[in-house]
């Protein structure tokens, strides 16, 4: 079984996994923007997020 087949199989078996992986996958392929979360206030950190150097999980607002 190839890696892509394993990933597809996992995504089809677990809809929650597909939802969790969609955002990071689209961002890693540069298909969506990397908007910093509202609670990130440090300008240097915000620039690093937009540039793709830092990838924060989508935890929501703390």
PDB file of N, CA and C in Angstrom:
ATOM      1  N   UNK A   1       0.854  -1.171   0.000  1.00  0.00           N
ATOM      2  CA  UNK A   1       0.000   0.000   0.000  1.00  0.00           C
ATOM      3  C   UNK A   1       0.907   1.244   0.000  1.00  0.00           C
ATOM      4  N   UNK A   2       0.660   2.159  -0.914  1.00  0.00           N
ATOM      5  CA  UNK A   2       1.479   3.364  -0.994  1.00  0.00           C
ATOM      6  C   UNK A   2       1.073   4.364   0.081  1.00  0.00           C
ATOM      7  N   UNK A   3       1.948   5.321   0.314  1.00  0.00           N
ATOM      8  CA  UNK A   3       1.681   6.330   1.350  1.00  0.00           C
ATOM      9  C   UNK A   3       0.423   7.122   1.021  1.00  0.00           C
ATOM     10  N   UNK A   4       0.247   7.482  -0.242  1.00  0.00           N
ATOM     11  CA  UNK A   4      -0.933   8.268  -0.604  1.00  0.00           C
ATOM     12  C   UNK A   4      -2.212   7.455  -0.409  1.00  0.00           C
ATOM     13  N   UNK A   5      -2.162   6.157  -0.647  1.00  0.00           N
ATOM     14  CA  UNK A   5      -3.316   5.291  -0.425  1.00  0.00           C
ATOM     15  C   UNK A   5      -3.641   5.205   1.057  1.00  0.00           C
ATOM     16  N   UNK A   6      -2.610   5.130   1.889  1.00  0.00           N
ATOM     17  CA  UNK A   6      -2.825   5.070   3.334  1.00  0.00           C
ATOM     18  C   UNK A   6      -3.458   6.366   3.841  1.00  0.00           C
ATOM     19  N   UNK A   7      -2.984   7.505   3.353  1.00  0.00           N
ATOM     20  CA  UNK A   7      -3.533   8.794   3.779  1.00  0.00           C
ATOM     21  C   UNK A   7      -4.983   8.908   3.343  1.00  0.00           C
ATOM     22  N   UNK A   8      -5.270   8.570   2.108  1.00  0.00           N
ATOM     23  CA  UNK A   8      -6.634   8.639   1.600  1.00  0.00           C
ATOM     24  C   UNK A   8      -7.553   7.714   2.390  1.00  0.00           C
ATOM     25  N   UNK A   9      -7.082   6.518   2.696  1.00  0.00           N
ATOM     26  CA  UNK A   9      -7.873   5.573   3.465  1.00  0.00           C
ATOM     27  C   UNK A   9      -8.168   6.125   4.861  1.00  0.00           C
ATOM     28  N   UNK A  10      -7.179   6.732   5.497  1.00  0.00           N
ATOM     29  CA  UNK A  10      -7.375   7.304   6.838  1.00  0.00           C
ATOM     30  C   UNK A  10      -8.369   8.449   6.797  1.00  0.00           C
ATOM     31  N   UNK A  11      -8.278   9.273   5.770  1.00  0.00           N
ATOM     32  CA  UNK A  11      -9.196  10.409   5.658  1.00  0.00           C
ATOM     33  C   UNK A  11     -10.632   9.959   5.415  1.00  0.00           C
ATOM     34  N   UNK A  12     -10.812   8.932   4.629  1.00  0.00           N
ATOM     35  CA  UNK A  12     -12.156   8.448   4.339  1.00  0.00           C
ATOM     36  C   UNK A  12     -12.767   7.741   5.544  1.00  0.00           C
ATOM     37  N   UNK A  13     -11.940   7.125   6.372  1.00  0.00           N
ATOM     38  CA  UNK A  13     -12.442   6.401   7.541  1.00  0.00           C
ATOM     39  C   UNK A  13     -12.773   7.329   8.710  1.00  0.00           C
ATOM     40  N   UNK A  14     -12.132   8.477   8.765  1.00  0.00           N
ATOM     41  CA  UNK A  14     -12.309   9.367   9.912  1.00  0.00           C
ATOM     42  C   UNK A  14     -12.558  10.789   9.431  1.00  0.00           C
ATOM     43  N   UNK A  15     -13.817  11.221   9.344  1.00  0.00           N
ATOM     44  CA  UNK A  15     -14.117  12.567   8.864  1.00  0.00           C
ATOM     45  C   UNK A  15     -13.498  13.661   9.730  1.00  0.00           C
ATOM     46  N   UNK A  16     -13.321  13.401  11.034  1.00  0.00           N
ATOM     47  CA  UNK A  16     -12.692  14.400  11.897  1.00  0.00           C
ATOM     48  C   UNK A  16     -11.237  14.618  11.502  1.00  0.00           C
ATOM     49  N   UNK A  17     -10.561  13.560  11.106  1.00  0.00           N
ATOM     50  CA  UNK A  17      -9.169  13.690  10.668  1.00  0.00           C
ATOM     51  C   UNK A  17      -9.091  14.541   9.409  1.00  0.00           C
ATOM     52  N   UNK A  18     -10.029  14.353   8.502  1.00  0.00           N
ATOM     53  CA  UNK A  18     -10.046  15.145   7.275  1.00  0.00           C
ATOM     54  C   UNK A  18     -10.236  16.624   7.593  1.00  0.00           C
ATOM     55  N   UNK A  19     -11.118  16.921   8.539  1.00  0.00           N
ATOM     56  CA  UNK A  19     -11.366  18.306   8.925  1.00  0.00           C
ATOM     57  C   UNK A  19     -10.127  18.921   9.560  1.00  0.00           C
ATOM     58  N   UNK A  20      -9.446  18.170  10.399  1.00  0.00           N
ATOM     59  CA  UNK A  20      -8.258  18.665  11.072  1.00  0.00           C
ATOM     60  C   UNK A  20      -7.084  18.844  10.117  1.00  0.00           C
ATOM     61  N   UNK A  21      -7.011  18.015   9.093  1.00  0.00           N
ATOM     62  CA  UNK A  21      -5.878  18.068   8.177  1.00  0.00           C
ATOM     63  C   UNK A  21      -6.070  19.031   7.018  1.00  0.00           C
ATOM     64  N   UNK A  22      -7.304  19.425   6.735  1.00  0.00           N
ATOM     65  CA  UNK A  22      -7.570  20.252   5.563  1.00  0.00           C
ATOM     66  C   UNK A  22      -6.837  21.585   5.626  1.00  0.00           C
ATOM     67  N   UNK A  23      -6.920  22.297   6.744  1.00  0.00           N
ATOM     68  CA  UNK A  23      -6.273  23.608   6.856  1.00  0.00           C
ATOM     69  C   UNK A  23      -4.767  23.540   6.688  1.00  0.00           C
ATOM     70  N   UNK A  24      -4.070  22.709   7.486  1.00  0.00           N
ATOM     71  CA  UNK A  24      -2.622  22.611   7.323  1.00  0.00           C
ATOM     72  C   UNK A  24      -2.196  22.152   5.932  1.00  0.00           C
ATOM     73  N   UNK A  25      -2.958  21.237   5.342  1.00  0.00           N
ATOM     74  CA  UNK A  25      -2.624  20.758   4.004  1.00  0.00           C
ATOM     75  C   UNK A  25      -2.738  21.877   2.976  1.00  0.00           C
ATOM     76  N   UNK A  26      -3.830  22.619   3.018  1.00  0.00           N
ATOM     77  CA  UNK A  26      -4.011  23.725   2.069  1.00  0.00           C
ATOM     78  C   UNK A  26      -2.967  24.820   2.276  1.00  0.00           C
ATOM     79  N   UNK A  27      -2.624  25.102   3.547  1.00  0.00           N
ATOM     80  CA  UNK A  27      -1.594  26.113   3.818  1.00  0.00           C
ATOM     81  C   UNK A  27      -0.230  25.645   3.331  1.00  0.00           C
ATOM     82  N   UNK A  28       0.098  24.373   3.531  1.00  0.00           N
ATOM     83  CA  UNK A  28       1.409  23.869   3.118  1.00  0.00           C
ATOM     84  C   UNK A  28       1.553  23.867   1.598  1.00  0.00           C
ATOM     85  N   UNK A  29       0.447  23.757   0.893  1.00  0.00           N
ATOM     86  CA  UNK A  29       0.472  23.807  -0.570  1.00  0.00           C
ATOM     87  C   UNK A  29       0.332  25.235  -1.096  1.00  0.00           C
ATOM     88  N   UNK A  30       0.322  26.213  -0.178  1.00  0.00           N
ATOM     89  CA  UNK A  30       0.153  27.635  -0.526  1.00  0.00           C
ATOM     90  C   UNK A  30      -1.138  27.893  -1.295  1.00  0.00           C
ATOM     91  N   UNK A  31      -2.183  27.163  -0.956  1.00  0.00           N
ATOM     92  CA  UNK A  31      -3.480  27.373  -1.591  1.00  0.00           C
ATOM     93  C   UNK A  31      -4.361  28.313  -0.779  1.00  0.00           C
ATOM     94  N   UNK A  32      -3.976  28.567   0.468  1.00  0.00           N
ATOM     95  CA  UNK A  32      -4.684  29.531   1.309  1.00  0.00           C
ATOM     96  C   UNK A  32      -3.655  30.387   2.031  1.00  0.00           C
ATOM     97  N   UNK A  33      -4.106  31.513   2.541  1.00  0.00           N
ATOM     98  CA  UNK A  33      -3.218  32.398   3.275  1.00  0.00           C
ATOM     99  C   UNK A  33      -2.911  31.880   4.664  1.00  0.00           C
ATOM    100  N   UNK A  34      -1.913  32.449   5.264  1.00  0.00           N
ATOM    101  CA  UNK A  34      -1.522  32.099   6.628  1.00  0.00           C
ATOM    102  C   UNK A  34      -1.824  33.287   7.521  1.00  0.00           C
ATOM    103  N   UNK A  35      -3.083  33.540   7.759  1.00  0.00           N
ATOM    104  CA  UNK A  35      -3.473  34.683   8.578  1.00  0.00           C
ATOM    105  C   UNK A  35      -3.168  34.395  10.037  1.00  0.00           C
ATOM    106  N   UNK A  36      -2.436  35.297  10.698  1.00  0.00           N
ATOM    107  CA  UNK A  36      -2.170  35.111  12.125  1.00  0.00           C
ATOM    108  C   UNK A  36      -3.460  35.227  12.929  1.00  0.00           C
ATOM    109  N   UNK A  37      -3.528  34.496  14.018  1.00  0.00           N
ATOM    110  CA  UNK A  37      -4.685  34.582  14.891  1.00  0.00           C
ATOM    111  C   UNK A  37      -4.717  35.942  15.566  1.00  0.00           C
ATOM    112  N   UNK A  38      -5.894  36.381  15.951  1.00  0.00           N
ATOM    113  CA  UNK A  38      -6.073  37.720  16.514  1.00  0.00           C
ATOM    114  C   UNK A  38      -5.284  37.909  17.803  1.00  0.00           C
ATOM    115  N   UNK A  39      -5.082  36.866  18.580  1.00  0.00           N
ATOM    116  CA  UNK A  39      -4.383  37.016  19.853  1.00  0.00           C
ATOM    117  C   UNK A  39      -2.878  37.109  19.714  1.00  0.00           C
ATOM    118  N   UNK A  40      -2.339  36.884  18.506  1.00  0.00           N
ATOM    119  CA  UNK A  40      -0.906  37.068  18.276  1.00  0.00           C
ATOM    120  C   UNK A  40      -0.690  38.552  17.994  1.00  0.00           C
ATOM    121  N   UNK A  41      -0.106  39.259  18.957  1.00  0.00           N
ATOM    122  CA  UNK A  41       0.015  40.705  18.841  1.00  0.00           C
ATOM    123  C   UNK A  41       1.424  41.175  18.489  1.00  0.00           C
ATOM    124  N   UNK A  42       2.422  40.337  18.690  1.00  0.00           N
ATOM    125  CA  UNK A  42       3.795  40.729  18.387  1.00  0.00           C
ATOM    126  C   UNK A  42       3.966  40.866  16.874  1.00  0.00           C
ATOM    127  N   UNK A  43       4.342  42.052  16.384  1.00  0.00           N
ATOM    128  CA  UNK A  43       4.452  42.264  14.934  1.00  0.00           C
ATOM    129  C   UNK A  43       5.450  41.322  14.255  1.00  0.00           C
ATOM    130  N   UNK A  44       6.574  41.030  14.916  1.00  0.00           N
ATOM    131  CA  UNK A  44       7.561  40.124  14.319  1.00  0.00           C
ATOM    132  C   UNK A  44       7.016  38.704  14.200  1.00  0.00           C
ATOM    133  N   UNK A  45       6.288  38.275  15.217  1.00  0.00           N
ATOM    134  CA  UNK A  45       5.684  36.938  15.182  1.00  0.00           C
ATOM    135  C   UNK A  45       4.626  36.864  14.090  1.00  0.00           C
ATOM    136  N   UNK A  46       3.820  37.917  13.941  1.00  0.00           N
ATOM    137  CA  UNK A  46       2.790  37.944  12.895  1.00  0.00           C
ATOM    138  C   UNK A  46       3.431  37.842  11.513  1.00  0.00           C
ATOM    139  N   UNK A  47       4.545  38.552  11.301  1.00  0.00           N
ATOM    140  CA  UNK A  47       5.247  38.485  10.013  1.00  0.00           C
ATOM    141  C   UNK A  47       5.794  37.086   9.760  1.00  0.00           C
ATOM    142  N   UNK A  48       6.304  36.434  10.813  1.00  0.00           N
ATOM    143  CA  UNK A  48       6.829  35.076  10.670  1.00  0.00           C
ATOM    144  C   UNK A  48       5.729  34.087  10.300  1.00  0.00           C
ATOM    145  N   UNK A  49       4.532  34.282  10.869  1.00  0.00           N
ATOM    146  CA  UNK A  49       3.402  33.404  10.553  1.00  0.00           C
ATOM    147  C   UNK A  49       2.985  33.583   9.094  1.00  0.00           C
ATOM    148  N   UNK A  50       2.876  34.843   8.662  1.00  0.00           N
ATOM    149  CA  UNK A  50       2.478  35.127   7.281  1.00  0.00           C
ATOM    150  C   UNK A  50       3.510  34.563   6.301  1.00  0.00           C
ATOM    151  N   UNK A  51       4.795  34.653   6.660  1.00  0.00           N
ATOM    152  CA  UNK A  51       5.858  34.145   5.787  1.00  0.00           C
ATOM    153  C   UNK A  51       5.934  32.623   5.781  1.00  0.00           C
ATOM    154  N   UNK A  52       5.264  31.973   6.754  1.00  0.00           N
ATOM    155  CA  UNK A  52       5.265  30.517   6.794  1.00  0.00           C
ATOM    156  C   UNK A  52       6.365  29.923   7.652  1.00  0.00           C
ATOM    157  N   UNK A  53       7.101  30.763   8.393  1.00  0.00           N
ATOM    158  CA  UNK A  53       8.167  30.245   9.255  1.00  0.00           C
ATOM    159  C   UNK A  53       7.620  29.629  10.530  1.00  0.00           C
ATOM    160  N   UNK A  54       6.440  30.073  10.968  1.00  0.00           N
ATOM    161  CA  UNK A  54       5.808  29.570  12.174  1.00  0.00           C
ATOM    162  C   UNK A  54       4.401  29.141  11.806  1.00  0.00           C
ATOM    163  N   UNK A  55       4.034  27.926  12.195  1.00  0.00           N
ATOM    164  CA  UNK A  55       2.687  27.437  11.920  1.00  0.00           C
ATOM    165  C   UNK A  55       2.024  27.087  13.246  1.00  0.00           C
ATOM    166  N   UNK A  56       1.066  27.904  13.637  1.00  0.00           N
ATOM    167  CA  UNK A  56       0.357  27.674  14.891  1.00  0.00           C
ATOM    168  C   UNK A  56      -0.843  26.769  14.656  1.00  0.00           C
ATOM    169  N   UNK A  57      -1.078  25.813  15.549  1.00  0.00           N
ATOM    170  CA  UNK A  57      -2.286  25.004  15.430  1.00  0.00           C
ATOM    171  C   UNK A  57      -3.521  25.890  15.616  1.00  0.00           C
ATOM    172  N   UNK A  58      -4.616  25.470  15.081  1.00  0.00           N
ATOM    173  CA  UNK A  58      -5.854  26.245  15.197  1.00  0.00           C
ATOM    174  C   UNK A  58      -6.550  25.882  16.504  1.00  0.00           C
ATOM    175  N   UNK A  59      -6.053  26.477  17.603  1.00  0.00           N
ATOM    176  CA  UNK A  59      -6.636  26.209  18.909  1.00  0.00           C
ATOM    177  C   UNK A  59      -7.809  27.114  19.189  1.00  0.00           C
ATOM    178  N   UNK A  60      -7.980  28.156  18.421  1.00  0.00           N
ATOM    179  CA  UNK A  60      -9.005  29.148  18.721  1.00  0.00           C
ATOM    180  C   UNK A  60      -8.436  30.184  19.678  1.00  0.00           C
ATOM    181  N   UNK A  61      -9.279  31.008  20.183  1.00  0.00           N
ATOM    182  CA  UNK A  61      -8.851  32.069  21.089  1.00  0.00           C
ATOM    183  C   UNK A  61      -8.635  31.507  22.489  1.00  0.00           C
ATOM    184  N   UNK A  62      -7.471  31.822  23.098  1.00  0.00           N
ATOM    185  CA  UNK A  62      -7.209  31.278  24.448  1.00  0.00           C
ATOM    186  C   UNK A  62      -8.099  31.939  25.489  1.00  0.00           C
TER     187      UNK A  62
END
